[in-house]
Amino acid sequence: MSREIAEPEASVSREIASLDVRLTREIAAGKVDLVKWAMGALTAQTALLLGVAKLF
């Protein structure tokens, strides 16, 4: 009886570990994209401010 329970339990544990690794990678990729967008927005804002400052 315990063998019947242990095999699916081990399979579920491996699947959960796999999902955890995949989710961690996706979160890291999302953070990288967020930093890229933030840097792009900061650069655009700085360029806009410098451009407006030259008008005055």
Protein backbone atom coordinates (compact mmCIF):
# COMPACT_ATOMS: atom_id res chain seq x y z
CA MET A 1 0.00 0.00 0.00
CA SER A 2 2.74 2.50 0.85
CA ARG A 3 4.46 1.81 -2.48
CA GLU A 4 1.27 2.79 -4.29
CA ILE A 5 1.32 6.09 -2.43
CA ALA A 6 5.06 6.73 -2.59
CA GLU A 7 5.37 6.58 -6.40
CA PRO A 8 2.75 9.23 -7.20
CA GLU A 9 3.98 11.32 -4.27
CA ALA A 10 7.53 11.29 -5.66
CA SER A 11 6.19 12.18 -9.10
CA VAL A 12 4.21 15.10 -7.70
CA SER A 13 7.24 16.28 -5.73
CA ARG A 14 9.40 16.26 -8.88
CA GLU A 15 6.72 18.13 -10.81
CA ILE A 16 6.43 20.76 -8.09
CA ALA A 17 10.20 21.21 -8.03
CA SER A 18 10.22 21.60 -11.81
CA LEU A 19 7.44 24.18 -11.67
CA ASP A 20 9.28 26.04 -8.92
CA VAL A 21 12.43 26.30 -11.06
CA ARG A 22 10.45 27.42 -14.09
CA LEU A 23 8.51 30.01 -12.10
CA THR A 24 11.73 31.35 -10.57
CA ARG A 25 13.21 31.78 -14.06
CA GLU A 26 10.09 33.54 -15.33
CA ILE A 27 10.09 35.92 -12.36
CA ALA A 28 13.77 36.71 -12.94
CA ALA A 29 13.10 37.39 -16.63
CA GLY A 30 10.21 39.65 -15.67
CA LYS A 31 12.43 41.60 -13.31
CA VAL A 32 15.03 42.08 -16.06
CA ASP A 33 12.34 43.38 -18.42
CA LEU A 34 11.05 45.74 -15.75
CA VAL A 35 14.54 47.16 -15.19
CA LYS A 36 15.00 47.61 -18.96
CA TRP A 37 11.71 49.52 -19.22
CA ALA A 38 12.58 51.67 -16.20
CA MET A 39 15.98 52.56 -17.65
CA GLY A 40 14.39 53.37 -21.00
CA ALA A 41 11.78 55.59 -19.37
CA LEU A 42 14.45 57.33 -17.29
CA THR A 43 16.54 57.96 -20.40
CA ALA A 44 13.54 59.32 -22.32
CA GLN A 45 12.53 61.55 -19.42
CA THR A 46 16.06 62.91 -19.09
CA ALA A 47 16.28 63.62 -22.82
CA LEU A 48 12.92 65.36 -22.72
CA LEU A 49 13.92 67.51 -19.76
CA LEU A 50 17.21 68.47 -21.40
CA GLY A 51 15.39 69.33 -24.63
CA VAL A 52 12.86 71.49 -22.83
CA ALA A 53 15.63 73.17 -20.79
CA LYS A 54 17.37 74.22 -24.03
CA LEU A 55 14.22 76.07 -25.11
CA PHE A 56 14.45 78.42 -22.13
